[in-house]
Each structure stands twice: as C-alpha cells, then as structure tokens.
Amino acid sequence: MTDKTLDEAIQEKLNLIAPTLKAIQAGGEQAYLGDLQTLLRKNLASLLALFERDPGLDAATADLYAAAAAIVKDVTAASQPYARKRRLLKEAQARFEERIALARPRERRPSASWRQNELFHAA
C-alpha cells in the first residue's frame, strides 16, 4: 500500500468515526445509539488494522469506545450526570486523536480480529 493510499484510508476511517461520536454525544433512542455504538466499534477496528501494534493506541481506543458505550448504556439510567459523560468522551477522543497522530502505519495489512476481542471487551 502506498503512503498516499494508506493516508487516504486512515483519513477515510477517521472521517467515519468523528460524526458517529458526535451523534452519540447528541443522544437519542436506545436502539439508535446501539446502532451507532456498533458502527463505532466496526470503524475503530478497521482503523486499528492500518497501524502497527501500539499499546498506547490500543488503550486510547479502548477508552474512547468505553466512554461512548457509557453514554449509550446509561442513556435511560442516568447513573451519572450526562455532562460528565460527554466530557469524558471528548477527553477520550482527544487522547485517541493524539495517539493516532503518533502511530506508525502498518506496512502489511493483517487481520486485527485479536484486537477486537481485547479492546472492546470492557464496554
């Protein structure tokens, strides 16, 4: 994969993740938010496959997904203030974007199925 093609693929995945996170922050019905959570998981997993394994990126991705999942899970329960959850999601997104900027693109594109099992288990 050429650098330009890889950069385009990374940007395409990031462009899919950002609006999904904004929609989760905006709230909505439980079923709709559940669909957004599934979409987020799929896009994060496909994005991670484009990078070398990096524990910092893995942790930032897991935090981002967990923060989004907390909003989805507690949309009706309201166990913590919603503003706090939105702030945690924004902070997790900032850490994720910081780690993505530092991550090394993968030269080959192997399967990232092992990452899905580990990273998205917490949420």
N, C-alpha and C. Protein backbone atom coordinates (compact mmCIF):
# COMPACT_ATOMS: atom_id res chain seq x y z
N MET A 1 0.85 -1.17 0.00
CA MET A 1 0.00 0.00 0.00
C MET A 1 0.89 1.23 0.00
N THR A 2 0.66 2.14 -0.89
CA THR A 2 1.48 3.35 -0.95
C THR A 2 1.11 4.29 0.19
N ASP A 3 2.04 5.22 0.47
CA ASP A 3 1.80 6.16 1.56
C ASP A 3 0.54 6.98 1.33
N LYS A 4 0.34 7.44 0.09
CA LYS A 4 -0.83 8.25 -0.20
C LYS A 4 -2.12 7.44 -0.02
N THR A 5 -2.12 6.22 -0.50
CA THR A 5 -3.29 5.37 -0.35
C THR A 5 -3.55 5.06 1.12
N LEU A 6 -2.50 4.78 1.88
CA LEU A 6 -2.65 4.49 3.30
C LEU A 6 -3.17 5.73 4.03
N ASP A 7 -2.60 6.89 3.73
CA ASP A 7 -3.07 8.14 4.36
C ASP A 7 -4.54 8.39 4.04
N GLU A 8 -4.93 8.13 2.80
CA GLU A 8 -6.33 8.31 2.41
C GLU A 8 -7.24 7.33 3.16
N ALA A 9 -6.78 6.10 3.32
CA ALA A 9 -7.58 5.10 4.04
C ALA A 9 -7.74 5.50 5.50
N ILE A 10 -6.66 5.98 6.10
CA ILE A 10 -6.72 6.42 7.50
C ILE A 10 -7.68 7.60 7.64
N GLN A 11 -7.56 8.58 6.76
CA GLN A 11 -8.43 9.75 6.83
C GLN A 11 -9.89 9.37 6.60
N GLU A 12 -10.12 8.43 5.71
CA GLU A 12 -11.49 7.97 5.45
C GLU A 12 -12.10 7.35 6.70
N LYS A 13 -11.32 6.53 7.39
CA LYS A 13 -11.82 5.91 8.63
C LYS A 13 -12.07 6.97 9.71
N LEU A 14 -11.15 7.91 9.84
CA LEU A 14 -11.33 8.98 10.83
C LEU A 14 -12.56 9.82 10.51
N ASN A 15 -12.81 10.04 9.23
CA ASN A 15 -13.99 10.79 8.82
C ASN A 15 -15.29 10.05 9.12
N LEU A 16 -15.24 8.74 9.24
CA LEU A 16 -16.42 7.97 9.62
C LEU A 16 -16.62 7.96 11.13
N ILE A 17 -15.54 8.01 11.87
CA ILE A 17 -15.62 7.92 13.34
C ILE A 17 -16.13 9.22 13.96
N ALA A 18 -15.64 10.36 13.50
CA ALA A 18 -15.99 11.65 14.11
C ALA A 18 -17.49 11.92 14.14
N PRO A 19 -18.23 11.76 13.02
CA PRO A 19 -19.66 12.03 13.09
C PRO A 19 -20.42 11.02 13.95
N THR A 20 -19.91 9.80 14.01
CA THR A 20 -20.55 8.80 14.86
C THR A 20 -20.44 9.21 16.32
N LEU A 21 -19.27 9.70 16.72
CA LEU A 21 -19.09 10.16 18.10
C LEU A 21 -19.98 11.36 18.40
N LYS A 22 -20.10 12.28 17.46
CA LYS A 22 -20.97 13.45 17.65
C LYS A 22 -22.42 13.02 17.81
N ALA A 23 -22.84 12.04 17.03
CA ALA A 23 -24.22 11.57 17.13
C ALA A 23 -24.47 10.89 18.47
N ILE A 24 -23.49 10.14 18.97
CA ILE A 24 -23.63 9.51 20.29
C ILE A 24 -23.73 10.59 21.37
N GLN A 25 -22.91 11.63 21.27
CA GLN A 25 -22.97 12.73 22.24
C GLN A 25 -24.32 13.43 22.21
N ALA A 26 -24.91 13.51 21.04
CA ALA A 26 -26.21 14.20 20.90
C ALA A 26 -27.33 13.42 21.57
N GLY A 27 -27.14 12.12 21.74
CA GLY A 27 -28.15 11.31 22.40
C GLY A 27 -29.21 10.83 21.43
N GLY A 28 -30.23 10.23 21.99
CA GLY A 28 -31.31 9.70 21.17
C GLY A 28 -31.88 8.44 21.79
N GLU A 29 -32.66 7.74 21.00
CA GLU A 29 -33.27 6.50 21.46
C GLU A 29 -32.22 5.41 21.66
N GLN A 30 -32.48 4.50 22.56
CA GLN A 30 -31.55 3.42 22.88
C GLN A 30 -31.18 2.59 21.65
N ALA A 31 -32.15 2.25 20.81
CA ALA A 31 -31.87 1.44 19.63
C ALA A 31 -30.95 2.18 18.66
N TYR A 32 -31.20 3.46 18.46
CA TYR A 32 -30.38 4.28 17.57
C TYR A 32 -28.95 4.36 18.10
N LEU A 33 -28.80 4.63 19.39
CA LEU A 33 -27.48 4.71 19.99
C LEU A 33 -26.76 3.37 19.94
N GLY A 34 -27.49 2.29 20.09
CA GLY A 34 -26.90 0.96 19.96
C GLY A 34 -26.34 0.72 18.57
N ASP A 35 -27.07 1.17 17.56
CA ASP A 35 -26.58 1.06 16.17
C ASP A 35 -25.32 1.89 15.98
N LEU A 36 -25.29 3.09 16.55
CA LEU A 36 -24.11 3.94 16.46
C LEU A 36 -22.92 3.31 17.16
N GLN A 37 -23.16 2.67 18.29
CA GLN A 37 -22.09 2.01 19.02
C GLN A 37 -21.50 0.88 18.19
N THR A 38 -22.34 0.10 17.53
CA THR A 38 -21.87 -0.98 16.66
C THR A 38 -21.05 -0.42 15.50
N LEU A 39 -21.53 0.67 14.91
CA LEU A 39 -20.81 1.31 13.82
C LEU A 39 -19.45 1.83 14.30
N LEU A 40 -19.41 2.42 15.47
CA LEU A 40 -18.16 2.93 16.03
C LEU A 40 -17.17 1.78 16.23
N ARG A 41 -17.62 0.70 16.79
CA ARG A 41 -16.75 -0.46 17.02
C ARG A 41 -16.16 -0.97 15.71
N LYS A 42 -17.00 -1.09 14.70
CA LYS A 42 -16.54 -1.58 13.39
C LYS A 42 -15.50 -0.64 12.79
N ASN A 43 -15.76 0.66 12.84
CA ASN A 43 -14.83 1.62 12.25
C ASN A 43 -13.52 1.71 13.03
N LEU A 44 -13.58 1.64 14.35
CA LEU A 44 -12.35 1.66 15.14
C LEU A 44 -11.50 0.43 14.84
N ALA A 45 -12.14 -0.74 14.76
CA ALA A 45 -11.40 -1.97 14.49
C ALA A 45 -10.73 -1.92 13.11
N SER A 46 -11.45 -1.42 12.12
CA SER A 46 -10.85 -1.35 10.78
C SER A 46 -9.74 -0.30 10.71
N LEU A 47 -9.85 0.75 11.51
CA LEU A 47 -8.79 1.76 11.55
C LEU A 47 -7.53 1.20 12.21
N LEU A 48 -7.69 0.48 13.31
CA LEU A 48 -6.53 -0.07 14.01
C LEU A 48 -5.74 -1.05 13.15
N ALA A 49 -6.42 -1.71 12.24
CA ALA A 49 -5.75 -2.66 11.35
C ALA A 49 -4.73 -1.98 10.45
N LEU A 50 -4.82 -0.67 10.31
CA LEU A 50 -3.91 0.08 9.44
C LEU A 50 -2.62 0.50 10.15
N PHE A 51 -2.50 0.23 11.46
CA PHE A 51 -1.35 0.68 12.23
C PHE A 51 -0.61 -0.50 12.87
N GLU A 52 0.68 -0.26 13.13
CA GLU A 52 1.47 -1.21 13.90
C GLU A 52 0.87 -1.29 15.30
N ARG A 53 1.06 -2.42 15.94
CA ARG A 53 0.54 -2.56 17.30
C ARG A 53 1.23 -1.56 18.22
N ASP A 54 0.41 -0.84 18.97
CA ASP A 54 0.89 0.20 19.87
C ASP A 54 0.01 0.17 21.11
N PRO A 55 0.57 -0.21 22.26
CA PRO A 55 -0.25 -0.28 23.48
C PRO A 55 -0.93 1.03 23.83
N GLY A 56 -0.27 2.16 23.57
CA GLY A 56 -0.89 3.46 23.85
C GLY A 56 -2.10 3.71 22.97
N LEU A 57 -1.99 3.35 21.70
CA LEU A 57 -3.13 3.49 20.79
C LEU A 57 -4.24 2.52 21.17
N ASP A 58 -3.86 1.31 21.54
CA ASP A 58 -4.86 0.33 21.97
C ASP A 58 -5.63 0.84 23.19
N ALA A 59 -4.91 1.40 24.16
CA ALA A 59 -5.55 1.93 25.38
C ALA A 59 -6.44 3.12 25.06
N ALA A 60 -5.98 4.01 24.20
CA ALA A 60 -6.78 5.18 23.83
C ALA A 60 -8.04 4.76 23.09
N THR A 61 -7.92 3.74 22.24
CA THR A 61 -9.08 3.24 21.50
C THR A 61 -10.09 2.60 22.45
N ALA A 62 -9.58 1.80 23.38
CA ALA A 62 -10.46 1.15 24.35
C ALA A 62 -11.17 2.19 25.21
N ASP A 63 -10.45 3.24 25.63
CA ASP A 63 -11.05 4.32 26.43
C ASP A 63 -12.13 5.05 25.64
N LEU A 64 -11.84 5.33 24.37
CA LEU A 64 -12.81 6.02 23.53
C LEU A 64 -14.08 5.20 23.38
N TYR A 65 -13.91 3.92 23.10
CA TYR A 65 -15.07 3.06 22.93
C TYR A 65 -15.85 2.92 24.24
N ALA A 66 -15.13 2.77 25.35
CA ALA A 66 -15.80 2.64 26.66
C ALA A 66 -16.58 3.90 27.02
N ALA A 67 -16.00 5.07 26.72
CA ALA A 67 -16.69 6.33 27.02
C ALA A 67 -17.97 6.45 26.18
N ALA A 68 -17.88 6.08 24.91
CA ALA A 68 -19.08 6.11 24.05
C ALA A 68 -20.10 5.09 24.53
N ALA A 69 -19.63 3.91 24.91
CA ALA A 69 -20.54 2.87 25.39
C ALA A 69 -21.23 3.28 26.68
N ALA A 70 -20.55 4.04 27.53
CA ALA A 70 -21.16 4.50 28.78
C ALA A 70 -22.33 5.42 28.50
N ILE A 71 -22.21 6.27 27.50
CA ILE A 71 -23.33 7.14 27.14
C ILE A 71 -24.48 6.31 26.60
N VAL A 72 -24.17 5.37 25.75
CA VAL A 72 -25.21 4.52 25.16
C VAL A 72 -25.91 3.70 26.24
N LYS A 73 -25.13 3.10 27.11
CA LYS A 73 -25.67 2.22 28.15
C LYS A 73 -26.55 2.97 29.15
N ASP A 74 -26.11 4.16 29.51
CA ASP A 74 -26.79 4.89 30.58
C ASP A 74 -27.74 5.97 30.08
N VAL A 75 -28.09 5.92 28.80
CA VAL A 75 -28.95 6.97 28.25
C VAL A 75 -30.28 7.05 29.00
N THR A 76 -30.80 5.93 29.44
CA THR A 76 -32.06 5.96 30.19
C THR A 76 -31.85 5.84 31.69
N ALA A 77 -30.72 5.25 32.11
CA ALA A 77 -30.48 5.05 33.54
C ALA A 77 -30.05 6.33 34.24
N ALA A 78 -29.32 7.20 33.56
CA ALA A 78 -28.83 8.47 34.12
C ALA A 78 -28.12 8.26 35.45
N SER A 79 -27.19 7.28 35.49
CA SER A 79 -26.49 6.98 36.73
C SER A 79 -25.42 8.03 37.08
N GLN A 80 -24.96 8.79 36.11
CA GLN A 80 -24.03 9.89 36.35
C GLN A 80 -24.54 11.07 35.53
N PRO A 81 -24.13 12.25 35.89
CA PRO A 81 -24.56 13.40 35.08
C PRO A 81 -24.12 13.25 33.62
N TYR A 82 -25.05 13.53 32.71
CA TYR A 82 -24.79 13.38 31.29
C TYR A 82 -23.65 14.28 30.83
N ALA A 83 -23.56 15.48 31.39
CA ALA A 83 -22.49 16.41 31.01
C ALA A 83 -21.12 15.82 31.31
N ARG A 84 -21.01 15.10 32.42
CA ARG A 84 -19.74 14.47 32.78
C ARG A 84 -19.38 13.40 31.77
N LYS A 85 -20.35 12.61 31.35
CA LYS A 85 -20.07 11.55 30.36
C LYS A 85 -19.65 12.14 29.03
N ARG A 86 -20.29 13.23 28.63
CA ARG A 86 -19.90 13.89 27.38
C ARG A 86 -18.47 14.43 27.49
N ARG A 87 -18.12 14.99 28.64
CA ARG A 87 -16.76 15.49 28.84
C ARG A 87 -15.75 14.35 28.77
N LEU A 88 -16.07 13.22 29.41
CA LEU A 88 -15.18 12.06 29.37
C LEU A 88 -15.00 11.55 27.94
N LEU A 89 -16.07 11.57 27.16
CA LEU A 89 -15.98 11.13 25.77
C LEU A 89 -15.10 12.09 24.96
N LYS A 90 -15.26 13.38 25.17
CA LYS A 90 -14.43 14.36 24.46
C LYS A 90 -12.95 14.20 24.83
N GLU A 91 -12.68 13.97 26.11
CA GLU A 91 -11.29 13.78 26.55
C GLU A 91 -10.71 12.50 25.95
N ALA A 92 -11.51 11.44 25.92
CA ALA A 92 -11.05 10.19 25.32
C ALA A 92 -10.81 10.35 23.83
N GLN A 93 -11.65 11.12 23.17
CA GLN A 93 -11.47 11.37 21.75
C GLN A 93 -10.17 12.16 21.50
N ALA A 94 -9.88 13.12 22.35
CA ALA A 94 -8.64 13.90 22.20
C ALA A 94 -7.42 13.01 22.38
N ARG A 95 -7.45 12.11 23.38
CA ARG A 95 -6.33 11.18 23.58
C ARG A 95 -6.18 10.24 22.38
N PHE A 96 -7.30 9.77 21.87
CA PHE A 96 -7.29 8.88 20.71
C PHE A 96 -6.66 9.59 19.50
N GLU A 97 -7.08 10.82 19.24
CA GLU A 97 -6.55 11.56 18.09
C GLU A 97 -5.06 11.85 18.26
N GLU A 98 -4.65 12.09 19.50
CA GLU A 98 -3.22 12.32 19.78
C GLU A 98 -2.42 11.06 19.49
N ARG A 99 -2.94 9.90 19.90
CA ARG A 99 -2.22 8.64 19.68
C ARG A 99 -2.22 8.24 18.21
N ILE A 100 -3.30 8.51 17.51
CA ILE A 100 -3.37 8.21 16.07
C ILE A 100 -2.30 9.02 15.33
N ALA A 101 -2.13 10.27 15.72
CA ALA A 101 -1.15 11.13 15.05
C ALA A 101 0.28 10.60 15.24
N LEU A 102 0.53 9.90 16.34
CA LEU A 102 1.86 9.37 16.63
C LEU A 102 2.06 7.94 16.14
N ALA A 103 0.99 7.27 15.78
CA ALA A 103 1.05 5.85 15.43
C ALA A 103 1.78 5.63 14.10
N ARG A 104 2.45 4.49 14.02
CA ARG A 104 3.16 4.11 12.79
C ARG A 104 2.25 3.26 11.92
N PRO A 105 2.04 3.68 10.68
CA PRO A 105 1.21 2.87 9.77
C PRO A 105 1.85 1.49 9.53
N ARG A 106 1.02 0.51 9.36
CA ARG A 106 1.45 -0.86 9.12
C ARG A 106 1.81 -1.02 7.65
N GLU A 107 2.89 -1.73 7.42
CA GLU A 107 3.30 -1.95 6.04
C GLU A 107 2.46 -3.04 5.37
N ARG A 108 2.08 -4.04 6.13
CA ARG A 108 1.19 -5.09 5.63
C ARG A 108 -0.13 -4.95 6.36
N ARG A 109 -1.16 -5.53 5.81
CA ARG A 109 -2.48 -5.40 6.42
C ARG A 109 -2.98 -6.77 6.90
N PRO A 110 -2.58 -7.16 8.11
CA PRO A 110 -3.06 -8.43 8.65
C PRO A 110 -4.43 -8.28 9.31
N SER A 111 -4.99 -9.37 9.70
CA SER A 111 -6.28 -9.35 10.40
C SER A 111 -6.10 -8.76 11.80
N ALA A 112 -7.05 -7.96 12.21
CA ALA A 112 -7.00 -7.36 13.55
C ALA A 112 -8.08 -7.95 14.45
N SER A 113 -8.49 -9.17 14.18
CA SER A 113 -9.58 -9.75 14.97
C SER A 113 -9.20 -9.94 16.43
N TRP A 114 -7.92 -10.21 16.73
CA TRP A 114 -7.50 -10.36 18.12
C TRP A 114 -7.70 -9.06 18.87
N ARG A 115 -7.52 -7.93 18.21
CA ARG A 115 -7.70 -6.64 18.88
C ARG A 115 -9.15 -6.40 19.25
N GLN A 116 -10.06 -6.79 18.40
CA GLN A 116 -11.47 -6.57 18.69
C GLN A 116 -11.86 -7.27 19.98
N ASN A 117 -11.41 -8.49 20.16
CA ASN A 117 -11.75 -9.24 21.36
C ASN A 117 -11.21 -8.59 22.63
N GLU A 118 -10.00 -8.04 22.54
CA GLU A 118 -9.39 -7.43 23.72
C GLU A 118 -9.89 -6.01 23.97
N LEU A 119 -9.91 -5.20 22.96
CA LEU A 119 -10.17 -3.77 23.14
C LEU A 119 -11.60 -3.44 23.48
N PHE A 120 -12.53 -4.15 22.94
CA PHE A 120 -13.92 -3.77 23.11
C PHE A 120 -14.63 -4.63 24.16
N HIS A 121 -13.86 -5.35 24.93
CA HIS A 121 -14.44 -6.20 25.97
C HIS A 121 -14.94 -5.40 27.16
N ALA A 122 -14.24 -4.33 27.48
CA ALA A 122 -14.57 -3.54 28.66
C ALA A 122 -15.92 -2.87 28.57
N ALA A 123 -16.36 -2.58 27.36
CA ALA A 123 -17.60 -1.79 27.21
C ALA A 123 -18.81 -2.64 27.05
